[in-house]
Amino acid sequence: MAAAHGAEISGSTLLARHAGSLCRPSATRDIRNVHLIHHTKEQEQTMTTGTTVIEHQVRRLLIALPEPYDVARQHYETLVPAIDPAHLQQLDTWEAVLEQVKIDAPHGFMRYATMDMTQTMALSPSHWKATQYLMGNHTIAERMFRHDPSAVLHAPLRTLIYADAEGDTKLAVDQPSLLFASYHNPEIASVGEELDALLAALIDLLDGEVPHQLES
């Protein structure tokens, strides 16, 4: 019994000593450090960059087209063919995609979406003739996307063919180079200027007057 009692006393003493060691200042500092490390890691996981507001110049181009609305729309859709995503997805490499897009978009642009606004608004009091498009080239956009993913906010370009109050056909589009200059990256800005040139060529093919702003 004495041996057992002695064993109990020894065990209690060990527990007391262990508890005492945890109460020492060094142990307290270690515990605080563990909590501090965990807290810092949580802060790192939740930290994000702040909201940014960017003001930039926009130039809207309203290009007069000589053809009637329906003819001009068909002409535009011939020059800017619809993308064939199913075919492109069958390709194995980006190089193959680049080569295929050169064939599919002989004038540099493809249509990623077509929205007949006349049909969409058919039951409303508004009866304008208008078709909206997303026009671009993702193989060109990739050269901006690699520098800043937010650049594809403006790629594809938004275009609109419509008949105005006098019945004249117009092509509306924002000038690409000004949109992409707002990213303050010379590589992105250079692609924007390239898109200006492609847009000027497209307007010429549509028999419209090319604004000098696209040729500067």
N, C-alpha and C. Protein backbone atom coordinates (compact mmCIF):
# COMPACT_ATOMS: atom_id res chain seq x y z
N MET A 1 0.83 -1.21 0.00
CA MET A 1 0.00 0.00 0.00
C MET A 1 0.85 1.25 0.00
N ALA A 2 1.95 1.18 0.79
CA ALA A 2 2.84 2.35 0.83
C ALA A 2 3.47 2.60 -0.50
N ALA A 3 3.83 1.45 -1.18
CA ALA A 3 4.44 1.61 -2.51
C ALA A 3 3.47 2.24 -3.47
N ALA A 4 2.21 1.77 -3.37
CA ALA A 4 1.19 2.33 -4.26
C ALA A 4 0.97 3.79 -3.96
N HIS A 5 0.90 4.10 -2.65
CA HIS A 5 0.69 5.49 -2.27
C HIS A 5 1.85 6.36 -2.74
N GLY A 6 3.07 5.77 -2.65
CA GLY A 6 4.24 6.52 -3.11
C GLY A 6 4.18 6.75 -4.59
N ALA A 7 3.65 5.74 -5.34
CA ALA A 7 3.54 5.91 -6.79
C ALA A 7 2.55 7.01 -7.11
N GLU A 8 1.44 7.06 -6.35
CA GLU A 8 0.45 8.11 -6.57
C GLU A 8 1.05 9.49 -6.32
N ILE A 9 1.84 9.58 -5.24
CA ILE A 9 2.47 10.86 -4.93
C ILE A 9 3.43 11.27 -6.04
N SER A 10 4.18 10.29 -6.56
CA SER A 10 5.14 10.60 -7.63
C SER A 10 4.41 11.08 -8.88
N GLY A 11 3.27 10.39 -9.21
CA GLY A 11 2.52 10.81 -10.40
C GLY A 11 1.95 12.20 -10.24
N SER A 12 1.44 12.51 -9.07
CA SER A 12 0.88 13.84 -8.83
C SER A 12 1.94 14.90 -8.92
N THR A 13 3.11 14.53 -8.39
CA THR A 13 4.22 15.48 -8.44
C THR A 13 4.62 15.79 -9.87
N LEU A 14 4.64 14.75 -10.70
CA LEU A 14 4.99 14.96 -12.11
C LEU A 14 3.97 15.86 -12.81
N LEU A 15 2.69 15.61 -12.54
CA LEU A 15 1.65 16.43 -13.14
C LEU A 15 1.78 17.88 -12.70
N ALA A 16 2.08 18.05 -11.40
CA ALA A 16 2.23 19.41 -10.89
C ALA A 16 3.40 20.11 -11.54
N ARG A 17 4.51 19.36 -11.67
CA ARG A 17 5.68 19.97 -12.32
C ARG A 17 5.38 20.34 -13.78
N HIS A 18 4.66 19.43 -14.47
CA HIS A 18 4.31 19.70 -15.88
C HIS A 18 3.41 20.93 -16.00
N ALA A 19 2.43 20.99 -15.07
CA ALA A 19 1.53 22.15 -15.09
C ALA A 19 2.29 23.42 -14.78
N GLY A 20 3.26 23.30 -13.89
CA GLY A 20 4.07 24.46 -13.55
C GLY A 20 4.89 24.94 -14.71
N SER A 21 5.36 23.97 -15.50
CA SER A 21 6.17 24.37 -16.66
C SER A 21 5.34 25.13 -17.68
N LEU A 22 4.05 24.78 -17.81
CA LEU A 22 3.18 25.49 -18.74
C LEU A 22 2.89 26.90 -18.28
N CYS A 23 3.00 27.11 -16.99
CA CYS A 23 2.72 28.45 -16.45
C CYS A 23 3.92 29.35 -16.47
N ARG A 24 5.07 28.80 -16.83
CA ARG A 24 6.26 29.64 -16.91
C ARG A 24 6.10 30.65 -18.03
N PRO A 25 6.73 31.83 -17.93
CA PRO A 25 6.61 32.87 -18.96
C PRO A 25 6.98 32.38 -20.34
N SER A 26 8.01 31.53 -20.47
CA SER A 26 8.44 31.07 -21.80
C SER A 26 7.36 30.25 -22.46
N ALA A 27 6.69 29.38 -21.68
CA ALA A 27 5.61 28.57 -22.24
C ALA A 27 4.45 29.45 -22.67
N THR A 28 4.13 30.45 -21.88
CA THR A 28 3.06 31.38 -22.22
C THR A 28 3.35 32.09 -23.54
N ARG A 29 4.62 32.49 -23.69
CA ARG A 29 5.00 33.16 -24.93
C ARG A 29 4.83 32.22 -26.11
N ASP A 30 5.17 30.92 -25.94
CA ASP A 30 5.04 29.96 -27.02
C ASP A 30 3.59 29.82 -27.44
N ILE A 31 2.68 29.74 -26.45
CA ILE A 31 1.26 29.61 -26.76
C ILE A 31 0.77 30.84 -27.51
N ARG A 32 1.18 32.03 -27.05
CA ARG A 32 0.78 33.27 -27.72
C ARG A 32 1.30 33.32 -29.15
N ASN A 33 2.52 32.83 -29.33
CA ASN A 33 3.10 32.82 -30.67
C ASN A 33 2.31 31.93 -31.62
N VAL A 34 1.86 30.77 -31.10
CA VAL A 34 1.05 29.86 -31.92
C VAL A 34 -0.22 30.55 -32.35
N HIS A 35 -0.92 31.21 -31.41
CA HIS A 35 -2.15 31.93 -31.75
C HIS A 35 -1.87 33.05 -32.74
N LEU A 36 -0.76 33.74 -32.58
CA LEU A 36 -0.41 34.85 -33.47
C LEU A 36 -0.16 34.34 -34.87
N ILE A 37 0.54 33.20 -35.01
CA ILE A 37 0.82 32.63 -36.32
C ILE A 37 -0.48 32.25 -37.02
N HIS A 38 -1.38 31.59 -36.28
CA HIS A 38 -2.65 31.19 -36.87
C HIS A 38 -3.46 32.41 -37.29
N HIS A 39 -3.47 33.44 -36.46
CA HIS A 39 -4.22 34.66 -36.78
C HIS A 39 -3.65 35.33 -38.02
N THR A 40 -2.32 35.36 -38.13
CA THR A 40 -1.69 35.99 -39.29
C THR A 40 -2.03 35.24 -40.56
N LYS A 41 -2.02 33.90 -40.51
CA LYS A 41 -2.35 33.11 -41.69
C LYS A 41 -3.79 33.35 -42.13
N GLU A 42 -4.71 33.46 -41.17
CA GLU A 42 -6.10 33.75 -41.49
C GLU A 42 -6.22 35.12 -42.16
N GLN A 43 -5.47 36.09 -41.65
CA GLN A 43 -5.49 37.42 -42.26
C GLN A 43 -4.99 37.37 -43.68
N GLU A 44 -3.91 36.60 -43.94
CA GLU A 44 -3.36 36.50 -45.29
C GLU A 44 -4.36 35.89 -46.25
N GLN A 45 -5.15 34.93 -45.77
CA GLN A 45 -6.11 34.25 -46.62
C GLN A 45 -7.28 35.15 -46.97
N THR A 46 -7.63 36.10 -46.10
CA THR A 46 -8.79 36.94 -46.33
C THR A 46 -8.44 38.29 -46.93
N MET A 47 -7.15 38.63 -46.99
CA MET A 47 -6.77 39.93 -47.54
C MET A 47 -6.99 39.97 -49.05
N THR A 48 -7.55 41.04 -49.57
CA THR A 48 -7.72 41.25 -51.01
C THR A 48 -7.28 42.66 -51.36
N THR A 49 -7.03 42.88 -52.64
CA THR A 49 -6.68 44.22 -53.07
C THR A 49 -7.92 45.09 -53.03
N GLY A 50 -7.72 46.38 -52.91
CA GLY A 50 -8.84 47.29 -52.78
C GLY A 50 -9.57 47.51 -54.09
N THR A 51 -10.76 48.05 -53.99
CA THR A 51 -11.54 48.40 -55.17
C THR A 51 -10.86 49.55 -55.91
N THR A 52 -10.81 49.43 -57.23
CA THR A 52 -10.19 50.47 -58.06
C THR A 52 -11.22 51.04 -59.01
N VAL A 53 -11.24 52.34 -59.14
CA VAL A 53 -12.12 53.03 -60.09
C VAL A 53 -11.24 53.68 -61.15
N ILE A 54 -11.49 53.33 -62.42
CA ILE A 54 -10.67 53.84 -63.52
C ILE A 54 -11.55 54.64 -64.48
N GLU A 55 -11.22 55.89 -64.64
CA GLU A 55 -11.90 56.72 -65.63
C GLU A 55 -11.03 56.80 -66.88
N HIS A 56 -11.65 56.66 -68.04
CA HIS A 56 -10.87 56.69 -69.27
C HIS A 56 -11.70 57.26 -70.42
N GLN A 57 -11.00 57.64 -71.44
CA GLN A 57 -11.65 58.26 -72.60
C GLN A 57 -12.28 57.20 -73.49
N VAL A 58 -13.47 57.50 -73.99
CA VAL A 58 -14.16 56.63 -74.94
C VAL A 58 -14.57 57.47 -76.14
N ARG A 59 -14.36 56.91 -77.34
CA ARG A 59 -14.79 57.60 -78.56
C ARG A 59 -15.74 56.67 -79.32
N ARG A 60 -16.99 57.07 -79.41
CA ARG A 60 -17.98 56.27 -80.13
C ARG A 60 -17.99 56.69 -81.60
N LEU A 61 -17.90 55.70 -82.46
CA LEU A 61 -17.90 55.94 -83.90
C LEU A 61 -19.25 55.51 -84.46
N LEU A 62 -19.92 56.42 -85.14
CA LEU A 62 -21.19 56.13 -85.80
C LEU A 62 -20.94 56.24 -87.30
N ILE A 63 -20.76 55.09 -87.93
CA ILE A 63 -20.34 55.02 -89.33
C ILE A 63 -21.56 54.90 -90.24
N ALA A 64 -21.71 55.83 -91.17
CA ALA A 64 -22.80 55.77 -92.14
C ALA A 64 -22.48 54.70 -93.19
N LEU A 65 -23.42 53.79 -93.40
CA LEU A 65 -23.25 52.74 -94.39
C LEU A 65 -24.24 52.98 -95.53
N PRO A 66 -23.81 52.80 -96.79
CA PRO A 66 -24.67 53.15 -97.92
C PRO A 66 -25.79 52.16 -98.19
N GLU A 67 -25.66 50.93 -97.70
CA GLU A 67 -26.65 49.90 -98.01
C GLU A 67 -27.84 49.97 -97.06
N PRO A 68 -29.01 49.52 -97.50
CA PRO A 68 -30.16 49.44 -96.59
C PRO A 68 -29.85 48.52 -95.42
N TYR A 69 -30.60 48.69 -94.34
CA TYR A 69 -30.30 47.97 -93.10
C TYR A 69 -30.15 46.47 -93.30
N ASP A 70 -31.14 45.82 -93.90
CA ASP A 70 -31.09 44.36 -94.04
C ASP A 70 -29.92 43.91 -94.89
N VAL A 71 -29.62 44.66 -95.95
CA VAL A 71 -28.50 44.32 -96.83
C VAL A 71 -27.18 44.53 -96.10
N ALA A 72 -27.07 45.64 -95.39
CA ALA A 72 -25.84 45.94 -94.64
C ALA A 72 -25.59 44.90 -93.56
N ARG A 73 -26.65 44.47 -92.91
CA ARG A 73 -26.49 43.46 -91.87
C ARG A 73 -25.99 42.14 -92.46
N GLN A 74 -26.55 41.74 -93.59
CA GLN A 74 -26.10 40.50 -94.24
C GLN A 74 -24.65 40.63 -94.71
N HIS A 75 -24.32 41.81 -95.24
CA HIS A 75 -22.95 42.08 -95.69
C HIS A 75 -21.97 41.97 -94.52
N TYR A 76 -22.33 42.58 -93.41
CA TYR A 76 -21.48 42.54 -92.21
C TYR A 76 -21.28 41.11 -91.73
N GLU A 77 -22.36 40.34 -91.68
CA GLU A 77 -22.27 38.98 -91.17
C GLU A 77 -21.49 38.06 -92.10
N THR A 78 -21.42 38.42 -93.37
CA THR A 78 -20.57 37.67 -94.31
C THR A 78 -19.10 37.99 -94.08
N LEU A 79 -18.79 39.26 -93.85
CA LEU A 79 -17.41 39.68 -93.61
C LEU A 79 -16.92 39.25 -92.22
N VAL A 80 -17.86 39.16 -91.28
CA VAL A 80 -17.52 38.78 -89.90
C VAL A 80 -18.28 37.48 -89.59
N PRO A 81 -17.71 36.34 -89.97
CA PRO A 81 -18.43 35.07 -89.80
C PRO A 81 -18.56 34.66 -88.34
N ALA A 82 -19.56 33.84 -88.07
CA ALA A 82 -19.76 33.34 -86.71
C ALA A 82 -18.67 32.35 -86.35
N ILE A 83 -18.20 32.39 -85.13
CA ILE A 83 -17.20 31.46 -84.65
C ILE A 83 -17.79 30.05 -84.59
N ASP A 84 -16.96 29.07 -84.84
CA ASP A 84 -17.36 27.67 -84.76
C ASP A 84 -16.62 27.03 -83.58
N PRO A 85 -17.14 27.19 -82.37
CA PRO A 85 -16.41 26.71 -81.19
C PRO A 85 -16.24 25.19 -81.17
N ALA A 86 -17.22 24.45 -81.69
CA ALA A 86 -17.12 22.99 -81.68
C ALA A 86 -15.93 22.52 -82.49
N HIS A 87 -15.71 23.16 -83.64
CA HIS A 87 -14.57 22.78 -84.48
C HIS A 87 -13.25 23.16 -83.81
N LEU A 88 -13.19 24.34 -83.23
CA LEU A 88 -11.95 24.78 -82.59
C LEU A 88 -11.60 23.92 -81.38
N GLN A 89 -12.61 23.42 -80.68
CA GLN A 89 -12.36 22.59 -79.51
C GLN A 89 -11.79 21.22 -79.87
N GLN A 90 -11.89 20.86 -81.12
CA GLN A 90 -11.34 19.58 -81.56
C GLN A 90 -9.84 19.66 -81.84
N LEU A 91 -9.31 20.87 -81.89
CA LEU A 91 -7.89 21.05 -82.17
C LEU A 91 -7.06 20.75 -80.92
N ASP A 92 -5.81 20.32 -81.14
CA ASP A 92 -4.99 19.84 -80.03
C ASP A 92 -4.03 20.88 -79.46
N THR A 93 -3.69 21.91 -80.23
CA THR A 93 -2.69 22.87 -79.78
C THR A 93 -3.16 24.29 -80.07
N TRP A 94 -2.57 25.23 -79.33
CA TRP A 94 -2.88 26.64 -79.57
C TRP A 94 -2.39 27.07 -80.95
N GLU A 95 -1.27 26.51 -81.40
CA GLU A 95 -0.76 26.82 -82.73
C GLU A 95 -1.78 26.43 -83.81
N ALA A 96 -2.43 25.29 -83.60
CA ALA A 96 -3.46 24.85 -84.55
C ALA A 96 -4.65 25.79 -84.53
N VAL A 97 -5.00 26.30 -83.34
CA VAL A 97 -6.09 27.27 -83.23
C VAL A 97 -5.73 28.55 -83.99
N LEU A 98 -4.50 29.01 -83.83
CA LEU A 98 -4.06 30.23 -84.51
C LEU A 98 -4.19 30.08 -86.02
N GLU A 99 -3.78 28.93 -86.54
CA GLU A 99 -3.84 28.70 -87.98
C GLU A 99 -5.29 28.60 -88.46
N GLN A 100 -6.14 27.94 -87.69
CA GLN A 100 -7.53 27.77 -88.09
C GLN A 100 -8.27 29.10 -88.08
N VAL A 101 -8.00 29.94 -87.09
CA VAL A 101 -8.68 31.23 -87.00
C VAL A 101 -8.30 32.14 -88.16
N LYS A 102 -7.06 32.00 -88.64
CA LYS A 102 -6.67 32.77 -89.83
C LYS A 102 -7.54 32.42 -91.02
N ILE A 103 -7.95 31.16 -91.09
CA ILE A 103 -8.82 30.72 -92.18
C ILE A 103 -10.26 31.15 -91.92
N ASP A 104 -10.71 30.98 -90.69
CA ASP A 104 -12.10 31.28 -90.35
C ASP A 104 -12.41 32.78 -90.35
N ALA A 105 -11.40 33.60 -90.06
CA ALA A 105 -11.60 35.05 -89.96
C ALA A 105 -10.66 35.76 -90.93
N PRO A 106 -10.93 35.69 -92.23
CA PRO A 106 -10.01 36.28 -93.21
C PRO A 106 -9.82 37.78 -93.06
N HIS A 107 -10.78 38.45 -92.42
CA HIS A 107 -10.66 39.90 -92.21
C HIS A 107 -10.35 40.23 -90.75
N GLY A 108 -9.99 39.21 -89.99
CA GLY A 108 -9.51 39.44 -88.62
C GLY A 108 -10.54 39.31 -87.53
N PHE A 109 -11.83 39.36 -87.87
CA PHE A 109 -12.88 39.34 -86.85
C PHE A 109 -13.83 38.17 -87.04
N MET A 110 -14.39 37.72 -85.91
CA MET A 110 -15.46 36.71 -85.90
C MET A 110 -16.58 37.22 -85.00
N ARG A 111 -17.77 36.62 -85.19
CA ARG A 111 -18.91 36.96 -84.35
C ARG A 111 -19.06 35.93 -83.23
N TYR A 112 -19.05 36.43 -81.98
CA TYR A 112 -19.22 35.56 -80.82
C TYR A 112 -20.66 35.57 -80.31
N ALA A 113 -21.42 36.56 -80.73
CA ALA A 113 -22.84 36.63 -80.36
C ALA A 113 -23.54 37.56 -81.34
N THR A 114 -24.79 37.23 -81.65
CA THR A 114 -25.64 38.06 -82.50
C THR A 114 -26.97 38.22 -81.79
N MET A 115 -27.39 39.45 -81.56
CA MET A 115 -28.63 39.73 -80.84
C MET A 115 -29.51 40.64 -81.68
N ASP A 116 -30.58 40.08 -82.18
CA ASP A 116 -31.54 40.84 -82.98
C ASP A 116 -32.42 41.64 -82.02
N MET A 117 -32.08 42.90 -81.85
CA MET A 117 -32.79 43.73 -80.88
C MET A 117 -34.21 44.05 -81.35
N THR A 118 -34.43 44.06 -82.67
CA THR A 118 -35.78 44.29 -83.20
C THR A 118 -36.71 43.18 -82.75
N GLN A 119 -36.24 41.95 -82.87
CA GLN A 119 -37.05 40.81 -82.45
C GLN A 119 -37.21 40.77 -80.94
N THR A 120 -36.14 41.08 -80.21
CA THR A 120 -36.19 41.06 -78.75
C THR A 120 -37.21 42.07 -78.23
N MET A 121 -37.31 43.22 -78.88
CA MET A 121 -38.22 44.30 -78.44
C MET A 121 -39.56 44.26 -79.17
N ALA A 122 -39.87 43.16 -79.83
CA ALA A 122 -41.03 43.10 -80.72
C ALA A 122 -42.35 43.48 -80.04
N LEU A 123 -42.54 43.12 -78.80
CA LEU A 123 -43.81 43.39 -78.11
C LEU A 123 -43.81 44.73 -77.37
N SER A 124 -42.70 45.46 -77.48
CA SER A 124 -42.60 46.76 -76.80
C SER A 124 -43.07 47.87 -77.74
N PRO A 125 -43.18 49.10 -77.21
CA PRO A 125 -43.55 50.23 -78.08
C PRO A 125 -42.40 50.67 -79.00
N SER A 126 -41.21 50.11 -78.84
CA SER A 126 -40.05 50.52 -79.63
C SER A 126 -39.90 49.59 -80.84
N HIS A 127 -39.78 50.19 -82.01
CA HIS A 127 -39.76 49.39 -83.23
C HIS A 127 -38.56 49.75 -84.13
N TRP A 128 -37.43 50.06 -83.51
CA TRP A 128 -36.23 50.34 -84.28
C TRP A 128 -35.70 49.05 -84.91
N LYS A 129 -35.01 49.22 -86.05
CA LYS A 129 -34.27 48.11 -86.64
C LYS A 129 -32.84 48.16 -86.09
N ALA A 130 -32.45 47.12 -85.39
CA ALA A 130 -31.12 47.12 -84.78
C ALA A 130 -30.69 45.69 -84.47
N THR A 131 -29.42 45.41 -84.76
CA THR A 131 -28.81 44.12 -84.41
C THR A 131 -27.48 44.39 -83.74
N GLN A 132 -27.31 43.77 -82.58
CA GLN A 132 -26.10 43.96 -81.79
C GLN A 132 -25.21 42.72 -81.91
N TYR A 133 -23.89 42.97 -81.91
CA TYR A 133 -22.93 41.88 -82.08
C TYR A 133 -21.80 41.98 -81.05
N LEU A 134 -21.24 40.84 -80.71
CA LEU A 134 -19.94 40.77 -80.05
C LEU A 134 -18.95 40.30 -81.12
N MET A 135 -18.05 41.18 -81.50
CA MET A 135 -17.14 40.95 -82.61
C MET A 135 -15.70 41.00 -82.12
N GLY A 136 -14.92 40.01 -82.46
CA GLY A 136 -13.52 40.02 -82.01
C GLY A 136 -12.73 38.87 -82.59
N ASN A 137 -11.65 38.59 -81.91
CA ASN A 137 -10.77 37.49 -82.31
C ASN A 137 -10.00 37.07 -81.05
N HIS A 138 -10.33 35.92 -80.50
CA HIS A 138 -9.73 35.55 -79.21
C HIS A 138 -8.24 35.24 -79.32
N THR A 139 -7.76 34.94 -80.54
CA THR A 139 -6.32 34.73 -80.69
C THR A 139 -5.57 36.06 -80.62
N ILE A 140 -6.24 37.14 -80.97
CA ILE A 140 -5.66 38.47 -80.79
C ILE A 140 -5.83 38.92 -79.33
N ALA A 141 -7.02 38.67 -78.79
CA ALA A 141 -7.29 39.06 -77.40
C ALA A 141 -6.34 38.37 -76.43
N GLU A 142 -5.88 37.16 -76.77
CA GLU A 142 -4.98 36.44 -75.87
C GLU A 142 -3.69 37.22 -75.62
N ARG A 143 -3.26 38.02 -76.60
CA ARG A 143 -2.03 38.79 -76.43
C ARG A 143 -2.20 39.93 -75.45
N MET A 144 -3.45 40.25 -75.10
CA MET A 144 -3.73 41.20 -74.02
C MET A 144 -4.05 40.46 -72.73
N PHE A 145 -4.80 39.38 -72.84
CA PHE A 145 -5.21 38.58 -71.69
C PHE A 145 -4.02 38.08 -70.89
N ARG A 146 -2.92 37.76 -71.58
CA ARG A 146 -1.74 37.25 -70.89
C ARG A 146 -1.12 38.29 -69.96
N HIS A 147 -1.37 39.58 -70.23
CA HIS A 147 -0.82 40.66 -69.40
C HIS A 147 -1.80 41.10 -68.32
N ASP A 148 -3.09 41.06 -68.63
CA ASP A 148 -4.10 41.52 -67.67
C ASP A 148 -5.43 40.87 -68.04
N PRO A 149 -5.94 39.96 -67.22
CA PRO A 149 -7.19 39.29 -67.58
C PRO A 149 -8.37 40.24 -67.70
N SER A 150 -8.33 41.38 -67.03
CA SER A 150 -9.46 42.30 -67.09
C SER A 150 -9.58 42.98 -68.46
N ALA A 151 -8.57 42.84 -69.31
CA ALA A 151 -8.62 43.45 -70.64
C ALA A 151 -9.73 42.86 -71.49
N VAL A 152 -10.12 41.62 -71.20
CA VAL A 152 -11.19 41.02 -72.01
C VAL A 152 -12.57 41.57 -71.64
N LEU A 153 -12.61 42.51 -70.71
CA LEU A 153 -13.84 43.28 -70.52
C LEU A 153 -14.26 43.94 -71.83
N HIS A 154 -13.28 44.35 -72.63
CA HIS A 154 -13.54 45.05 -73.88
C HIS A 154 -13.25 44.20 -75.11
N ALA A 155 -13.05 42.92 -74.92
CA ALA A 155 -12.81 42.02 -76.04
C ALA A 155 -13.64 40.75 -75.80
N PRO A 156 -14.58 40.44 -76.67
CA PRO A 156 -14.83 41.03 -77.98
C PRO A 156 -15.38 42.46 -77.89
N LEU A 157 -15.30 43.13 -79.02
CA LEU A 157 -15.86 44.46 -79.15
C LEU A 157 -17.38 44.36 -79.29
N ARG A 158 -18.07 45.37 -78.81
CA ARG A 158 -19.53 45.45 -78.99
C ARG A 158 -19.82 46.34 -80.19
N THR A 159 -20.56 45.83 -81.16
CA THR A 159 -20.93 46.62 -82.34
C THR A 159 -22.44 46.58 -82.52
N LEU A 160 -22.95 47.56 -83.25
CA LEU A 160 -24.39 47.66 -83.48
C LEU A 160 -24.63 48.17 -84.89
N ILE A 161 -25.45 47.46 -85.63
CA ILE A 161 -25.94 47.96 -86.92
C ILE A 161 -27.41 48.32 -86.72
N TYR A 162 -27.76 49.53 -87.11
CA TYR A 162 -29.14 49.98 -86.88
C TYR A 162 -29.56 50.97 -87.95
N ALA A 163 -30.86 51.20 -88.05
CA ALA A 163 -31.41 52.24 -88.92
C ALA A 163 -31.83 53.40 -88.04
N ASP A 164 -31.34 54.61 -88.37
CA ASP A 164 -31.66 55.78 -87.55
C ASP A 164 -33.03 56.35 -87.88
N ALA A 165 -33.35 57.48 -87.30
CA ALA A 165 -34.69 58.08 -87.46
C ALA A 165 -35.00 58.39 -88.92
N GLU A 166 -34.00 58.64 -89.73
CA GLU A 166 -34.21 58.93 -91.15
C GLU A 166 -34.20 57.66 -92.01
N GLY A 167 -33.96 56.51 -91.37
CA GLY A 167 -33.90 55.26 -92.11
C GLY A 167 -32.52 54.94 -92.65
N ASP A 168 -31.54 55.78 -92.34
CA ASP A 168 -30.17 55.53 -92.81
C ASP A 168 -29.50 54.48 -91.92
N THR A 169 -28.65 53.66 -92.55
CA THR A 169 -27.98 52.58 -91.81
C THR A 169 -26.71 53.09 -91.17
N LYS A 170 -26.49 52.70 -89.91
CA LYS A 170 -25.29 53.10 -89.19
C LYS A 170 -24.64 51.88 -88.53
N LEU A 171 -23.34 51.95 -88.44
CA LEU A 171 -22.56 50.99 -87.66
C LEU A 171 -21.99 51.75 -86.46
N ALA A 172 -22.32 51.31 -85.26
CA ALA A 172 -21.83 51.95 -84.05
C ALA A 172 -20.81 51.05 -83.37
N VAL A 173 -19.70 51.65 -82.94
CA VAL A 173 -18.65 50.90 -82.25
C VAL A 173 -17.76 51.89 -81.51
N ASP A 174 -17.26 51.49 -80.35
CA ASP A 174 -16.28 52.31 -79.63
C ASP A 174 -14.89 52.03 -80.19
N GLN A 175 -14.07 53.09 -80.31
CA GLN A 175 -12.74 52.92 -80.87
C GLN A 175 -11.89 52.03 -79.98
N PRO A 176 -11.37 50.92 -80.51
CA PRO A 176 -10.65 49.95 -79.69
C PRO A 176 -9.43 50.51 -78.97
N SER A 177 -8.61 51.31 -79.68
CA SER A 177 -7.34 51.74 -79.09
C SER A 177 -7.54 52.56 -77.82
N LEU A 178 -8.61 53.35 -77.74
CA LEU A 178 -8.86 54.14 -76.54
C LEU A 178 -9.30 53.24 -75.38
N LEU A 179 -10.07 52.21 -75.69
CA LEU A 179 -10.49 51.28 -74.64
C LEU A 179 -9.28 50.59 -74.02
N PHE A 180 -8.39 50.11 -74.88
CA PHE A 180 -7.28 49.31 -74.38
C PHE A 180 -6.11 50.15 -73.87
N ALA A 181 -6.07 51.42 -74.25
CA ALA A 181 -5.07 52.32 -73.67
C ALA A 181 -5.33 52.54 -72.19
N SER A 182 -6.57 52.32 -71.75
CA SER A 182 -6.93 52.57 -70.35
C SER A 182 -6.31 51.56 -69.40
N TYR A 183 -5.70 50.50 -69.93
CA TYR A 183 -5.06 49.50 -69.06
C TYR A 183 -3.61 49.86 -68.74
N HIS A 184 -3.12 50.93 -69.33
CA HIS A 184 -1.79 51.47 -69.02
C HIS A 184 -0.70 50.40 -69.13
N ASN A 185 -0.79 49.63 -70.19
CA ASN A 185 0.21 48.61 -70.49
C ASN A 185 0.54 48.73 -71.97
N PRO A 186 1.79 49.02 -72.32
CA PRO A 186 2.13 49.24 -73.73
C PRO A 186 1.85 48.04 -74.63
N GLU A 187 1.95 46.83 -74.08
CA GLU A 187 1.68 45.63 -74.87
C GLU A 187 0.19 45.56 -75.22
N ILE A 188 -0.66 45.89 -74.27
CA ILE A 188 -2.11 45.90 -74.50
C ILE A 188 -2.48 47.05 -75.43
N ALA A 189 -1.89 48.20 -75.22
CA ALA A 189 -2.19 49.37 -76.06
C ALA A 189 -1.81 49.10 -77.51
N SER A 190 -0.73 48.38 -77.73
CA SER A 190 -0.29 48.06 -79.09
C SER A 190 -1.31 47.20 -79.81
N VAL A 191 -1.89 46.25 -79.09
CA VAL A 191 -2.93 45.41 -79.70
C VAL A 191 -4.17 46.24 -80.00
N GLY A 192 -4.48 47.20 -79.14
CA GLY A 192 -5.60 48.09 -79.40
C GLY A 192 -5.43 48.86 -80.70
N GLU A 193 -4.22 49.31 -80.98
CA GLU A 193 -3.95 50.02 -82.23
C GLU A 193 -4.08 49.07 -83.43
N GLU A 194 -3.69 47.83 -83.23
CA GLU A 194 -3.86 46.82 -84.29
C GLU A 194 -5.35 46.60 -84.59
N LEU A 195 -6.16 46.61 -83.56
CA LEU A 195 -7.60 46.45 -83.75
C LEU A 195 -8.21 47.66 -84.45
N ASP A 196 -7.68 48.84 -84.19
CA ASP A 196 -8.10 50.04 -84.94
C ASP A 196 -7.93 49.81 -86.44
N ALA A 197 -6.78 49.28 -86.83
CA ALA A 197 -6.49 49.05 -88.24
C ALA A 197 -7.43 48.01 -88.84
N LEU A 198 -7.71 46.94 -88.09
CA LEU A 198 -8.65 45.92 -88.58
C LEU A 198 -10.06 46.49 -88.71
N LEU A 199 -10.46 47.32 -87.77
CA LEU A 199 -11.77 47.95 -87.83
C LEU A 199 -11.87 48.88 -89.03
N ALA A 200 -10.82 49.64 -89.27
CA ALA A 200 -10.81 50.55 -90.44
C ALA A 200 -10.96 49.76 -91.73
N ALA A 201 -10.28 48.64 -91.83
CA ALA A 201 -10.37 47.80 -93.04
C ALA A 201 -11.78 47.25 -93.21
N LEU A 202 -12.42 46.87 -92.09
CA LEU A 202 -13.79 46.34 -92.15
C LEU A 202 -14.76 47.42 -92.61
N ILE A 203 -14.62 48.61 -92.07
CA ILE A 203 -15.49 49.72 -92.48
C ILE A 203 -15.35 49.99 -93.97
N ASP A 204 -14.12 49.93 -94.47
CA ASP A 204 -13.88 50.14 -95.89
C ASP A 204 -14.57 49.06 -96.73
N LEU A 205 -14.52 47.82 -96.27
CA LEU A 205 -15.18 46.72 -96.98
C LEU A 205 -16.70 46.88 -96.98
N LEU A 206 -17.22 47.55 -95.96
CA LEU A 206 -18.66 47.82 -95.89
C LEU A 206 -19.04 49.07 -96.65
N ASP A 207 -18.06 49.65 -97.35
CA ASP A 207 -18.25 50.88 -98.14
C ASP A 207 -18.60 52.09 -97.28
N GLY A 208 -18.17 52.05 -96.02
CA GLY A 208 -18.36 53.20 -95.16
C GLY A 208 -17.14 54.12 -95.21
N GLU A 209 -17.32 55.33 -94.71
CA GLU A 209 -16.21 56.29 -94.65
C GLU A 209 -15.41 56.03 -93.37
N VAL A 210 -14.12 55.75 -93.55
CA VAL A 210 -13.27 55.44 -92.40
C VAL A 210 -12.90 56.73 -91.68
N PRO A 211 -13.22 56.84 -90.38
CA PRO A 211 -12.85 58.04 -89.62
C PRO A 211 -11.32 58.18 -89.55
N HIS A 212 -10.83 59.41 -89.65
CA HIS A 212 -9.38 59.61 -89.61
C HIS A 212 -8.79 59.19 -88.27
N GLN A 213 -9.62 59.16 -87.23
CA GLN A 213 -9.12 58.75 -85.91
C GLN A 213 -8.64 57.31 -85.89
N LEU A 214 -9.14 56.49 -86.78
CA LEU A 214 -8.70 55.11 -86.86
C LEU A 214 -7.41 54.96 -87.68
N GLU A 215 -7.05 56.00 -88.39
CA GLU A 215 -5.89 55.91 -89.27
C GLU A 215 -4.67 56.64 -88.71
N SER A 216 -4.82 57.28 -87.55
CA SER A 216 -3.71 58.04 -86.97
C SER A 216 -2.74 57.12 -86.25
